[in-house]
Amino acid sequence: MNAIPTTTLWRPTGPAELELVRESGWTAWPPRLPDQPIFYPVLDEDYAIKIARDWNVPASGAGFVTRFRIETEYVIRYPVRRAGGRTILELWVPAEELTEFNRHIVGPIEVVHRFP
């Protein structure tokens, strides 16, 4: 049996988005809000930690870092965007493609860090 090659991504998130992920059974990201045209998973765990700790905690009282795997063959369609330094790398997934993106997640979305 051949395993599907996957890419690991991280997503810093606040409690409201995390609750919607939980409601999906840890299998999907919720639709974007009208003022959120892009879904931004990141390629570096340390960058995700920084966002969750430094942005999500002040904004909503808690921050979480999630980890998930997605089919590599699918996700390579999204170019890697550098949002700052060498390790500040993101994928920009248009909101209208998020349902299809979710279909290519392999396994559960996991919480790997919590702040505070």
PDB file of N, CA and C in Angstrom:
ATOM      1  N   MET A   1       0.841  -1.181   0.000  1.00  0.00           N
ATOM      2  CA  MET A   1       0.000   0.000   0.000  1.00  0.00           C
ATOM      3  C   MET A   1       0.887   1.246   0.000  1.00  0.00           C
ATOM      4  N   ASN A   2       0.654   2.152  -0.942  1.00  0.00           N
ATOM      5  CA  ASN A   2       1.440   3.371  -1.041  1.00  0.00           C
ATOM      6  C   ASN A   2       0.781   4.494  -0.252  1.00  0.00           C
ATOM      7  N   ALA A   3       1.555   5.124   0.610  1.00  0.00           N
ATOM      8  CA  ALA A   3       1.052   6.267   1.366  1.00  0.00           C
ATOM      9  C   ALA A   3       1.063   7.498   0.463  1.00  0.00           C
ATOM     10  N   ILE A   4       0.092   8.355   0.646  1.00  0.00           N
ATOM     11  CA  ILE A   4       0.032   9.601  -0.110  1.00  0.00           C
ATOM     12  C   ILE A   4       1.058  10.559   0.483  1.00  0.00           C
ATOM     13  N   PRO A   5       1.963  11.118  -0.335  1.00  0.00           N
ATOM     14  CA  PRO A   5       2.906  12.105   0.200  1.00  0.00           C
ATOM     15  C   PRO A   5       2.160  13.331   0.725  1.00  0.00           C
ATOM     16  N   THR A   6       2.565  13.788   1.909  1.00  0.00           N
ATOM     17  CA  THR A   6       1.906  14.934   2.525  1.00  0.00           C
ATOM     18  C   THR A   6       2.919  16.017   2.890  1.00  0.00           C
ATOM     19  N   THR A   7       2.400  17.206   3.056  1.00  0.00           N
ATOM     20  CA  THR A   7       3.159  18.362   3.526  1.00  0.00           C
ATOM     21  C   THR A   7       2.536  18.792   4.846  1.00  0.00           C
ATOM     22  N   THR A   8       3.371  19.079   5.841  1.00  0.00           N
ATOM     23  CA  THR A   8       2.882  19.543   7.131  1.00  0.00           C
ATOM     24  C   THR A   8       2.806  21.065   7.127  1.00  0.00           C
ATOM     25  N   LEU A   9       1.665  21.577   7.578  1.00  0.00           N
ATOM     26  CA  LEU A   9       1.447  23.014   7.701  1.00  0.00           C
ATOM     27  C   LEU A   9       0.985  23.320   9.118  1.00  0.00           C
ATOM     28  N   TRP A  10       1.141  24.565   9.522  1.00  0.00           N
ATOM     29  CA  TRP A  10       0.689  25.032  10.829  1.00  0.00           C
ATOM     30  C   TRP A  10      -0.273  26.185  10.620  1.00  0.00           C
ATOM     31  N   ARG A  11      -1.174  26.370  11.567  1.00  0.00           N
ATOM     32  CA  ARG A  11      -2.131  27.471  11.511  1.00  0.00           C
ATOM     33  C   ARG A  11      -2.281  28.053  12.915  1.00  0.00           C
ATOM     34  N   PRO A  12      -1.812  29.291  13.121  1.00  0.00           N
ATOM     35  CA  PRO A  12      -2.110  29.964  14.376  1.00  0.00           C
ATOM     36  C   PRO A  12      -3.571  30.408  14.355  1.00  0.00           C
ATOM     37  N   THR A  13      -4.253  30.249  15.467  1.00  0.00           N
ATOM     38  CA  THR A  13      -5.679  30.565  15.484  1.00  0.00           C
ATOM     39  C   THR A  13      -6.132  31.006  16.864  1.00  0.00           C
ATOM     40  N   GLY A  14      -7.243  31.665  16.876  1.00  0.00           N
ATOM     41  CA  GLY A  14      -7.860  32.070  18.133  1.00  0.00           C
ATOM     42  C   GLY A  14      -8.951  31.089  18.528  1.00  0.00           C
ATOM     43  N   PRO A  15      -9.589  31.318  19.669  1.00  0.00           N
ATOM     44  CA  PRO A  15     -10.589  30.374  20.181  1.00  0.00           C
ATOM     45  C   PRO A  15     -11.825  30.223  19.298  1.00  0.00           C
ATOM     46  N   ALA A  16     -12.284  31.279  18.652  1.00  0.00           N
ATOM     47  CA  ALA A  16     -13.501  31.180  17.840  1.00  0.00           C
ATOM     48  C   ALA A  16     -13.277  30.262  16.632  1.00  0.00           C
ATOM     49  N   GLU A  17     -12.168  30.463  15.920  1.00  0.00           N
ATOM     50  CA  GLU A  17     -11.879  29.607  14.770  1.00  0.00           C
ATOM     51  C   GLU A  17     -11.627  28.171  15.224  1.00  0.00           C
ATOM     52  N   LEU A  18     -10.919  28.012  16.334  1.00  0.00           N
ATOM     53  CA  LEU A  18     -10.638  26.664  16.832  1.00  0.00           C
ATOM     54  C   LEU A  18     -11.920  25.921  17.176  1.00  0.00           C
ATOM     55  N   GLU A  19     -12.896  26.609  17.730  1.00  0.00           N
ATOM     56  CA  GLU A  19     -14.176  25.972  18.051  1.00  0.00           C
ATOM     57  C   GLU A  19     -14.854  25.455  16.778  1.00  0.00           C
ATOM     58  N   LEU A  20     -14.768  26.216  15.698  1.00  0.00           N
ATOM     59  CA  LEU A  20     -15.362  25.769  14.424  1.00  0.00           C
ATOM     60  C   LEU A  20     -14.622  24.553  13.862  1.00  0.00           C
ATOM     61  N   VAL A  21     -13.314  24.515  14.041  1.00  0.00           N
ATOM     62  CA  VAL A  21     -12.544  23.338  13.623  1.00  0.00           C
ATOM     63  C   VAL A  21     -12.980  22.123  14.452  1.00  0.00           C
ATOM     64  N   ARG A  22     -13.137  22.321  15.765  1.00  0.00           N
ATOM     65  CA  ARG A  22     -13.601  21.231  16.638  1.00  0.00           C
ATOM     66  C   ARG A  22     -14.960  20.725  16.174  1.00  0.00           C
ATOM     67  N   GLU A  23     -15.866  21.653  15.844  1.00  0.00           N
ATOM     68  CA  GLU A  23     -17.203  21.270  15.379  1.00  0.00           C
ATOM     69  C   GLU A  23     -17.155  20.472  14.079  1.00  0.00           C
ATOM     70  N   SER A  24     -16.101  20.646  13.287  1.00  0.00           N
ATOM     71  CA  SER A  24     -15.960  19.876  12.041  1.00  0.00           C
ATOM     72  C   SER A  24     -15.452  18.464  12.308  1.00  0.00           C
ATOM     73  N   GLY A  25     -15.156  18.156  13.570  1.00  0.00           N
ATOM     74  CA  GLY A  25     -14.547  16.867  13.890  1.00  0.00           C
ATOM     75  C   GLY A  25     -13.051  16.884  13.654  1.00  0.00           C
ATOM     76  N   TRP A  26     -12.458  18.079  13.692  1.00  0.00           N
ATOM     77  CA  TRP A  26     -11.022  18.278  13.481  1.00  0.00           C
ATOM     78  C   TRP A  26     -10.592  17.916  12.064  1.00  0.00           C
ATOM     79  N   THR A  27     -11.502  18.144  11.099  1.00  0.00           N
ATOM     80  CA  THR A  27     -11.210  17.747   9.716  1.00  0.00           C
ATOM     81  C   THR A  27     -11.199  18.889   8.711  1.00  0.00           C
ATOM     82  N   ALA A  28     -11.624  20.098   9.108  1.00  0.00           N
ATOM     83  CA  ALA A  28     -11.763  21.162   8.110  1.00  0.00           C
ATOM     84  C   ALA A  28     -11.626  22.541   8.745  1.00  0.00           C
ATOM     85  N   TRP A  29     -11.159  23.468   7.929  1.00  0.00           N
ATOM     86  CA  TRP A  29     -11.111  24.877   8.305  1.00  0.00           C
ATOM     87  C   TRP A  29     -12.423  25.533   7.929  1.00  0.00           C
ATOM     88  N   PRO A  30     -12.931  26.431   8.775  1.00  0.00           N
ATOM     89  CA  PRO A  30     -14.219  27.066   8.486  1.00  0.00           C
ATOM     90  C   PRO A  30     -14.101  28.066   7.340  1.00  0.00           C
ATOM     91  N   PRO A  31     -15.233  28.359   6.692  1.00  0.00           N
ATOM     92  CA  PRO A  31     -15.227  29.373   5.633  1.00  0.00           C
ATOM     93  C   PRO A  31     -14.698  30.696   6.181  1.00  0.00           C
ATOM     94  N   ARG A  32     -14.075  31.446   5.320  1.00  0.00           N
ATOM     95  CA  ARG A  32     -13.560  32.756   5.690  1.00  0.00           C
ATOM     96  C   ARG A  32     -14.711  33.740   5.848  1.00  0.00           C
ATOM     97  N   LEU A  33     -14.511  34.733   6.671  1.00  0.00           N
ATOM     98  CA  LEU A  33     -15.471  35.818   6.813  1.00  0.00           C
ATOM     99  C   LEU A  33     -15.350  36.741   5.603  1.00  0.00           C
ATOM    100  N   PRO A  34     -16.352  37.573   5.336  1.00  0.00           N
ATOM    101  CA  PRO A  34     -16.296  38.450   4.156  1.00  0.00           C
ATOM    102  C   PRO A  34     -15.034  39.320   4.074  1.00  0.00           C
ATOM    103  N   ASP A  35     -14.483  39.711   5.214  1.00  0.00           N
ATOM    104  CA  ASP A  35     -13.275  40.544   5.199  1.00  0.00           C
ATOM    105  C   ASP A  35     -11.988  39.705   5.238  1.00  0.00           C
ATOM    106  N   GLN A  36     -12.102  38.399   4.991  1.00  0.00           N
ATOM    107  CA  GLN A  36     -10.950  37.492   4.987  1.00  0.00           C
ATOM    108  C   GLN A  36     -10.875  36.755   3.639  1.00  0.00           C
ATOM    109  N   PRO A  37     -10.324  37.397   2.624  1.00  0.00           N
ATOM    110  CA  PRO A  37     -10.310  36.770   1.297  1.00  0.00           C
ATOM    111  C   PRO A  37      -9.277  35.658   1.132  1.00  0.00           C
ATOM    112  N   ILE A  38      -8.365  35.538   2.093  1.00  0.00           N
ATOM    113  CA  ILE A  38      -7.280  34.568   1.986  1.00  0.00           C
ATOM    114  C   ILE A  38      -7.178  33.759   3.277  1.00  0.00           C
ATOM    115  N   PHE A  39      -6.921  32.446   3.142  1.00  0.00           N
ATOM    116  CA  PHE A  39      -6.599  31.560   4.263  1.00  0.00           C
ATOM    117  C   PHE A  39      -5.083  31.398   4.261  1.00  0.00           C
ATOM    118  N   TYR A  40      -4.450  31.645   5.405  1.00  0.00           N
ATOM    119  CA  TYR A  40      -2.992  31.671   5.495  1.00  0.00           C
ATOM    120  C   TYR A  40      -2.430  30.576   6.398  1.00  0.00           C
ATOM    121  N   PRO A  41      -2.244  29.362   5.929  1.00  0.00           N
ATOM    122  CA  PRO A  41      -1.464  28.422   6.737  1.00  0.00           C
ATOM    123  C   PRO A  41       0.019  28.776   6.588  1.00  0.00           C
ATOM    124  N   VAL A  42       0.825  28.420   7.580  1.00  0.00           N
ATOM    125  CA  VAL A  42       2.245  28.767   7.534  1.00  0.00           C
ATOM    126  C   VAL A  42       3.099  27.505   7.466  1.00  0.00           C
ATOM    127  N   LEU A  43       4.345  27.685   7.017  1.00  0.00           N
ATOM    128  CA  LEU A  43       5.240  26.557   6.799  1.00  0.00           C
ATOM    129  C   LEU A  43       6.226  26.321   7.934  1.00  0.00           C
ATOM    130  N   ASP A  44       6.228  27.184   8.939  1.00  0.00           N
ATOM    131  CA  ASP A  44       7.209  27.094  10.005  1.00  0.00           C
ATOM    132  C   ASP A  44       6.512  27.134  11.364  1.00  0.00           C
ATOM    133  N   GLU A  45       6.758  26.150  12.189  1.00  0.00           N
ATOM    134  CA  GLU A  45       6.104  26.073  13.493  1.00  0.00           C
ATOM    135  C   GLU A  45       6.455  27.274  14.382  1.00  0.00           C
ATOM    136  N   ASP A  46       7.711  27.713  14.366  1.00  0.00           N
ATOM    137  CA  ASP A  46       8.101  28.850  15.194  1.00  0.00           C
ATOM    138  C   ASP A  46       7.353  30.125  14.789  1.00  0.00           C
ATOM    139  N   TYR A  47       7.152  30.318  13.507  1.00  0.00           N
ATOM    140  CA  TYR A  47       6.382  31.472  13.029  1.00  0.00           C
ATOM    141  C   TYR A  47       4.938  31.376  13.522  1.00  0.00           C
ATOM    142  N   ALA A  48       4.350  30.194  13.475  1.00  0.00           N
ATOM    143  CA  ALA A  48       2.980  29.999  13.962  1.00  0.00           C
ATOM    144  C   ALA A  48       2.894  30.284  15.461  1.00  0.00           C
ATOM    145  N   ILE A  49       3.900  29.868  16.216  1.00  0.00           N
ATOM    146  CA  ILE A  49       3.935  30.136  17.655  1.00  0.00           C
ATOM    147  C   ILE A  49       3.959  31.641  17.908  1.00  0.00           C
ATOM    148  N   LYS A  50       4.797  32.348  17.180  1.00  0.00           N
ATOM    149  CA  LYS A  50       4.900  33.805  17.354  1.00  0.00           C
ATOM    150  C   LYS A  50       3.555  34.488  17.103  1.00  0.00           C
ATOM    151  N   ILE A  51       2.870  34.103  16.042  1.00  0.00           N
ATOM    152  CA  ILE A  51       1.574  34.717  15.729  1.00  0.00           C
ATOM    153  C   ILE A  51       0.549  34.384  16.815  1.00  0.00           C
ATOM    154  N   ALA A  52       0.468  33.115  17.204  1.00  0.00           N
ATOM    155  CA  ALA A  52      -0.514  32.707  18.218  1.00  0.00           C
ATOM    156  C   ALA A  52      -0.272  33.422  19.542  1.00  0.00           C
ATOM    157  N   ARG A  53       0.971  33.514  19.940  1.00  0.00           N
ATOM    158  CA  ARG A  53       1.324  34.112  21.231  1.00  0.00           C
ATOM    159  C   ARG A  53       1.229  35.636  21.199  1.00  0.00           C
ATOM    160  N   ASP A  54       1.763  36.246  20.140  1.00  0.00           N
ATOM    161  CA  ASP A  54       1.886  37.701  20.100  1.00  0.00           C
ATOM    162  C   ASP A  54       0.680  38.417  19.498  1.00  0.00           C
ATOM    163  N   TRP A  55      -0.123  37.731  18.689  1.00  0.00           N
ATOM    164  CA  TRP A  55      -1.264  38.377  18.040  1.00  0.00           C
ATOM    165  C   TRP A  55      -2.594  37.830  18.559  1.00  0.00           C
ATOM    166  N   ASN A  56      -2.736  36.503  18.559  1.00  0.00           N
ATOM    167  CA  ASN A  56      -4.021  35.918  18.965  1.00  0.00           C
ATOM    168  C   ASN A  56      -4.322  36.138  20.446  1.00  0.00           C
ATOM    169  N   VAL A  57      -3.331  36.006  21.308  1.00  0.00           N
ATOM    170  CA  VAL A  57      -3.587  36.189  22.741  1.00  0.00           C
ATOM    171  C   VAL A  57      -4.073  37.610  23.036  1.00  0.00           C
ATOM    172  N   PRO A  58      -3.385  38.665  22.569  1.00  0.00           N
ATOM    173  CA  PRO A  58      -3.903  40.011  22.840  1.00  0.00           C
ATOM    174  C   PRO A  58      -5.275  40.272  22.198  1.00  0.00           C
ATOM    175  N   ALA A  59      -5.513  39.685  21.030  1.00  0.00           N
ATOM    176  CA  ALA A  59      -6.771  39.936  20.318  1.00  0.00           C
ATOM    177  C   ALA A  59      -7.957  39.200  20.928  1.00  0.00           C
ATOM    178  N   SER A  60      -7.724  37.979  21.457  1.00  0.00           N
ATOM    179  CA  SER A  60      -8.867  37.179  21.900  1.00  0.00           C
ATOM    180  C   SER A  60      -8.666  36.459  23.227  1.00  0.00           C
ATOM    181  N   GLY A  61      -7.563  36.710  23.892  1.00  0.00           N
ATOM    182  CA  GLY A  61      -7.332  36.110  25.195  1.00  0.00           C
ATOM    183  C   GLY A  61      -6.673  34.748  25.175  1.00  0.00           C
ATOM    184  N   ALA A  62      -6.584  34.143  24.004  1.00  0.00           N
ATOM    185  CA  ALA A  62      -5.931  32.835  23.876  1.00  0.00           C
ATOM    186  C   ALA A  62      -5.434  32.670  22.448  1.00  0.00           C
ATOM    187  N   GLY A  63      -4.396  31.896  22.311  1.00  0.00           N
ATOM    188  CA  GLY A  63      -3.863  31.583  20.991  1.00  0.00           C
ATOM    189  C   GLY A  63      -3.508  30.114  20.931  1.00  0.00           C
ATOM    190  N   PHE A  64      -3.683  29.537  19.774  1.00  0.00           N
ATOM    191  CA  PHE A  64      -3.425  28.117  19.575  1.00  0.00           C
ATOM    192  C   PHE A  64      -2.623  27.928  18.302  1.00  0.00           C
ATOM    193  N   VAL A  65      -1.752  26.940  18.299  1.00  0.00           N
ATOM    194  CA  VAL A  65      -1.053  26.538  17.087  1.00  0.00           C
ATOM    195  C   VAL A  65      -1.577  25.160  16.724  1.00  0.00           C
ATOM    196  N   THR A  66      -2.070  25.050  15.510  1.00  0.00           N
ATOM    197  CA  THR A  66      -2.532  23.760  15.019  1.00  0.00           C
ATOM    198  C   THR A  66      -1.556  23.251  13.963  1.00  0.00           C
ATOM    199  N   ARG A  67      -1.554  21.945  13.806  1.00  0.00           N
ATOM    200  CA  ARG A  67      -0.721  21.294  12.790  1.00  0.00           C
ATOM    201  C   ARG A  67      -1.627  20.373  11.992  1.00  0.00           C
ATOM    202  N   PHE A  68      -1.409  20.362  10.692  1.00  0.00           N
ATOM    203  CA  PHE A  68      -2.165  19.429   9.865  1.00  0.00           C
ATOM    204  C   PHE A  68      -1.334  19.045   8.649  1.00  0.00           C
ATOM    205  N   ARG A  69      -1.716  17.927   8.065  1.00  0.00           N
ATOM    206  CA  ARG A  69      -1.041  17.435   6.859  1.00  0.00           C
ATOM    207  C   ARG A  69      -2.001  17.556   5.692  1.00  0.00           C
ATOM    208  N   ILE A  70      -1.438  17.857   4.543  1.00  0.00           N
ATOM    209  CA  ILE A  70      -2.241  17.991   3.337  1.00  0.00           C
ATOM    210  C   ILE A  70      -1.496  17.319   2.191  1.00  0.00           C
ATOM    211  N   GLU A  71      -2.246  16.799   1.238  1.00  0.00           N
ATOM    212  CA  GLU A  71      -1.630  16.112   0.102  1.00  0.00           C
ATOM    213  C   GLU A  71      -0.664  17.055  -0.620  1.00  0.00           C
ATOM    214  N   THR A  72       0.585  16.635  -0.722  1.00  0.00           N
ATOM    215  CA  THR A  72       1.609  17.462  -1.364  1.00  0.00           C
ATOM    216  C   THR A  72       1.249  17.766  -2.809  1.00  0.00           C
ATOM    217  N   GLU A  73       0.782  16.768  -3.540  1.00  0.00           N
ATOM    218  CA  GLU A  73       0.455  16.965  -4.954  1.00  0.00           C
ATOM    219  C   GLU A  73      -0.588  18.065  -5.146  1.00  0.00           C
ATOM    220  N   TYR A  74      -1.503  18.187  -4.196  1.00  0.00           N
ATOM    221  CA  TYR A  74      -2.518  19.235  -4.268  1.00  0.00           C
ATOM    222  C   TYR A  74      -1.958  20.596  -3.843  1.00  0.00           C
ATOM    223  N   VAL A  75      -1.271  20.636  -2.711  1.00  0.00           N
ATOM    224  CA  VAL A  75      -0.892  21.916  -2.109  1.00  0.00           C
ATOM    225  C   VAL A  75       0.209  22.646  -2.882  1.00  0.00           C
ATOM    226  N   ILE A  76       0.955  21.962  -3.729  1.00  0.00           N
ATOM    227  CA  ILE A  76       2.022  22.647  -4.471  1.00  0.00           C
ATOM    228  C   ILE A  76       1.482  23.670  -5.464  1.00  0.00           C
ATOM    229  N   ARG A  77       0.191  23.676  -5.702  1.00  0.00           N
ATOM    230  CA  ARG A  77      -0.397  24.688  -6.595  1.00  0.00           C
ATOM    231  C   ARG A  77      -0.338  26.081  -5.988  1.00  0.00           C
ATOM    232  N   TYR A  78      -0.177  26.154  -4.658  1.00  0.00           N
ATOM    233  CA  TYR A  78      -0.141  27.444  -3.973  1.00  0.00           C
ATOM    234  C   TYR A  78       1.314  27.869  -3.764  1.00  0.00           C
ATOM    235  N   PRO A  79       1.713  28.995  -4.334  1.00  0.00           N
ATOM    236  CA  PRO A  79       3.102  29.416  -4.156  1.00  0.00           C
ATOM    237  C   PRO A  79       3.388  29.810  -2.712  1.00  0.00           C
ATOM    238  N   VAL A  80       4.605  29.544  -2.291  1.00  0.00           N
ATOM    239  CA  VAL A  80       5.048  29.955  -0.966  1.00  0.00           C
ATOM    240  C   VAL A  80       5.321  31.455  -1.008  1.00  0.00           C
ATOM    241  N   ARG A  81       4.756  32.170  -0.044  1.00  0.00           N
ATOM    242  CA  ARG A  81       4.937  33.627   0.035  1.00  0.00           C
ATOM    243  C   ARG A  81       5.799  33.945   1.251  1.00  0.00           C
ATOM    244  N   ARG A  82       6.789  34.781   1.057  1.00  0.00           N
ATOM    245  CA  ARG A  82       7.617  35.229   2.175  1.00  0.00           C
ATOM    246  C   ARG A  82       6.983  36.492   2.738  1.00  0.00           C
ATOM    247  N   ALA A  83       6.613  36.444   4.017  1.00  0.00           N
ATOM    248  CA  ALA A  83       5.929  37.565   4.655  1.00  0.00           C
ATOM    249  C   ALA A  83       6.874  38.353   5.561  1.00  0.00           C
ATOM    250  N   GLY A  84       8.141  38.130   5.421  1.00  0.00           N
ATOM    251  CA  GLY A  84       9.128  38.794   6.266  1.00  0.00           C
ATOM    252  C   GLY A  84      10.453  38.085   6.143  1.00  0.00           C
ATOM    253  N   GLY A  85      10.985  37.638   7.264  1.00  0.00           N
ATOM    254  CA  GLY A  85      12.287  36.970   7.288  1.00  0.00           C
ATOM    255  C   GLY A  85      12.300  35.622   6.591  1.00  0.00           C
ATOM    256  N   ARG A  86      13.456  34.999   6.637  1.00  0.00           N
ATOM    257  CA  ARG A  86      13.713  33.748   5.916  1.00  0.00           C
ATOM    258  C   ARG A  86      12.724  32.636   6.256  1.00  0.00           C
ATOM    259  N   THR A  87      12.269  32.577   7.510  1.00  0.00           N
ATOM    260  CA  THR A  87      11.363  31.496   7.921  1.00  0.00           C
ATOM    261  C   THR A  87       9.908  31.957   8.039  1.00  0.00           C
ATOM    262  N   ILE A  88       9.615  33.174   7.638  1.00  0.00           N
ATOM    263  CA  ILE A  88       8.247  33.695   7.733  1.00  0.00           C
ATOM    264  C   ILE A  88       7.559  33.423   6.396  1.00  0.00           C
ATOM    265  N   LEU A  89       7.130  32.175   6.252  1.00  0.00           N
ATOM    266  CA  LEU A  89       6.594  31.680   4.983  1.00  0.00           C
ATOM    267  C   LEU A  89       5.143  31.251   5.148  1.00  0.00           C
ATOM    268  N   GLU A  90       4.329  31.616   4.174  1.00  0.00           N
ATOM    269  CA  GLU A  90       2.894  31.324   4.196  1.00  0.00           C
ATOM    270  C   GLU A  90       2.449  30.794   2.843  1.00  0.00           C
ATOM    271  N   LEU A  91       1.327  30.120   2.854  1.00  0.00           N
ATOM    272  CA  LEU A  91       0.606  29.826   1.619  1.00  0.00           C
ATOM    273  C   LEU A  91      -0.602  30.757   1.608  1.00  0.00           C
ATOM    274  N   TRP A  92      -0.969  31.226   0.442  1.00  0.00           N
ATOM    275  CA  TRP A  92      -2.155  32.075   0.317  1.00  0.00           C
ATOM    276  C   TRP A  92      -3.202  31.293  -0.449  1.00  0.00           C
ATOM    277  N   VAL A  93      -4.199  30.823   0.268  1.00  0.00           N
ATOM    278  CA  VAL A  93      -5.276  30.035  -0.315  1.00  0.00           C
ATOM    279  C   VAL A  93      -6.506  30.939  -0.441  1.00  0.00           C
ATOM    280  N   PRO A  94      -6.965  31.225  -1.662  1.00  0.00           N
ATOM    281  CA  PRO A  94      -8.157  32.064  -1.808  1.00  0.00           C
ATOM    282  C   PRO A  94      -9.351  31.451  -1.075  1.00  0.00           C
ATOM    283  N   ALA A  95     -10.121  32.293  -0.423  1.00  0.00           N
ATOM    284  CA  ALA A  95     -11.258  31.836   0.382  1.00  0.00           C
ATOM    285  C   ALA A  95     -12.185  30.922  -0.404  1.00  0.00           C
ATOM    286  N   GLU A  96     -12.405  31.221  -1.674  1.00  0.00           N
ATOM    287  CA  GLU A  96     -13.330  30.415  -2.470  1.00  0.00           C
ATOM    288  C   GLU A  96     -12.789  29.020  -2.773  1.00  0.00           C
ATOM    289  N   GLU A  97     -11.510  28.755  -2.489  1.00  0.00           N
ATOM    290  CA  GLU A  97     -10.916  27.436  -2.714  1.00  0.00           C
ATOM    291  C   GLU A  97     -10.788  26.626  -1.425  1.00  0.00           C
ATOM    292  N   LEU A  98     -11.233  27.178  -0.302  1.00  0.00           N
ATOM    293  CA  LEU A  98     -11.012  26.523   0.986  1.00  0.00           C
ATOM    294  C   LEU A  98     -11.762  25.194   1.114  1.00  0.00           C
ATOM    295  N   THR A  99     -12.956  25.089   0.567  1.00  0.00           N
ATOM    296  CA  THR A  99     -13.689  23.820   0.640  1.00  0.00           C
ATOM    297  C   THR A  99     -12.899  22.712  -0.041  1.00  0.00           C
ATOM    298  N   GLU A 100     -12.358  22.991  -1.210  1.00  0.00           N
ATOM    299  CA  GLU A 100     -11.545  21.994  -1.925  1.00  0.00           C
ATOM    300  C   GLU A 100     -10.244  21.726  -1.165  1.00  0.00           C
ATOM    301  N   PHE A 101      -9.629  22.756  -0.639  1.00  0.00           N
ATOM    302  CA  PHE A 101      -8.418  22.609   0.168  1.00  0.00           C
ATOM    303  C   PHE A 101      -8.674  21.624   1.312  1.00  0.00           C
ATOM    304  N   ASN A 102      -9.791  21.801   2.006  1.00  0.00           N
ATOM    305  CA  ASN A 102     -10.144  20.922   3.132  1.00  0.00           C
ATOM    306  C   ASN A 102     -10.265  19.465   2.706  1.00  0.00           C
ATOM    307  N   ARG A 103     -10.707  19.204   1.494  1.00  0.00           N
ATOM    308  CA  ARG A 103     -10.859  17.814   1.014  1.00  0.00           C
ATOM    309  C   ARG A 103      -9.516  17.095   0.910  1.00  0.00           C
ATOM    310  N   HIS A 104      -8.438  17.844   0.874  1.00  0.00           N
ATOM    311  CA  HIS A 104      -7.111  17.252   0.697  1.00  0.00           C
ATOM    312  C   HIS A 104      -6.317  17.159   1.998  1.00  0.00           C
ATOM    313  N   ILE A 105      -6.940  17.543   3.117  1.00  0.00           N
ATOM    314  CA  ILE A 105      -6.296  17.361   4.422  1.00  0.00           C
ATOM    315  C   ILE A 105      -6.267  15.867   4.737  1.00  0.00           C
ATOM    316  N   VAL A 106      -5.124  15.406   5.222  1.00  0.00           N
ATOM    317  CA  VAL A 106      -4.937  13.993   5.558  1.00  0.00           C
ATOM    318  C   VAL A 106      -4.833  13.880   7.073  1.00  0.00           C
ATOM    319  N   GLY A 107      -5.761  13.164   7.675  1.00  0.00           N
ATOM    320  CA  GLY A 107      -5.750  13.007   9.124  1.00  0.00           C
ATOM    321  C   GLY A 107      -6.354  14.224   9.813  1.00  0.00           C
ATOM    322  N   PRO A 108      -6.289  14.235  11.142  1.00  0.00           N
ATOM    323  CA  PRO A 108      -6.927  15.318  11.896  1.00  0.00           C
ATOM    324  C   PRO A 108      -6.079  16.586  11.968  1.00  0.00           C
ATOM    325  N   ILE A 109      -6.749  17.686  12.203  1.00  0.00           N
ATOM    326  CA  ILE A 109      -6.098  18.942  12.565  1.00  0.00           C
ATOM    327  C   ILE A 109      -5.830  18.838  14.065  1.00  0.00           C
ATOM    328  N   GLU A 110      -4.588  19.065  14.486  1.00  0.00           N
ATOM    329  CA  GLU A 110      -4.201  18.866  15.887  1.00  0.00           C
ATOM    330  C   GLU A 110      -3.758  20.180  16.525  1.00  0.00           C
ATOM    331  N   VAL A 111      -4.118  20.382  17.778  1.00  0.00           N
ATOM    332  CA  VAL A 111      -3.601  21.508  18.549  1.00  0.00           C
ATOM    333  C   VAL A 111      -2.270  21.068  19.144  1.00  0.00           C
ATOM    334  N   VAL A 112      -1.199  21.822  18.837  1.00  0.00           N
ATOM    335  CA  VAL A 112       0.128  21.437  19.335  1.00  0.00           C
ATOM    336  C   VAL A 112       0.699  22.437  20.345  1.00  0.00           C
ATOM    337  N   HIS A 113       0.131  23.653  20.419  1.00  0.00           N
ATOM    338  CA  HIS A 113       0.553  24.643  21.417  1.00  0.00           C
ATOM    339  C   HIS A 113      -0.666  25.476  21.811  1.00  0.00           C
ATOM    340  N   ARG A 114      -0.682  25.898  23.079  1.00  0.00           N
ATOM    341  CA  ARG A 114      -1.757  26.752  23.611  1.00  0.00           C
ATOM    342  C   ARG A 114      -1.111  27.904  24.383  1.00  0.00           C
ATOM    343  N   PHE A 115      -1.643  29.102  24.195  1.00  0.00           N
ATOM    344  CA  PHE A 115      -1.168  30.291  24.916  1.00  0.00           C
ATOM    345  C   PHE A 115      -2.375  31.041  25.426  1.00  0.00           C
ATOM    346  N   PRO A 116      -2.417  31.670  26.548  1.00  0.00           N
ATOM    347  CA  PRO A 116      -1.535  31.437  27.682  1.00  0.00           C
ATOM    348  C   PRO A 116      -1.914  30.172  28.402  1.00  0.00           C
TER     349      PRO A 116
END
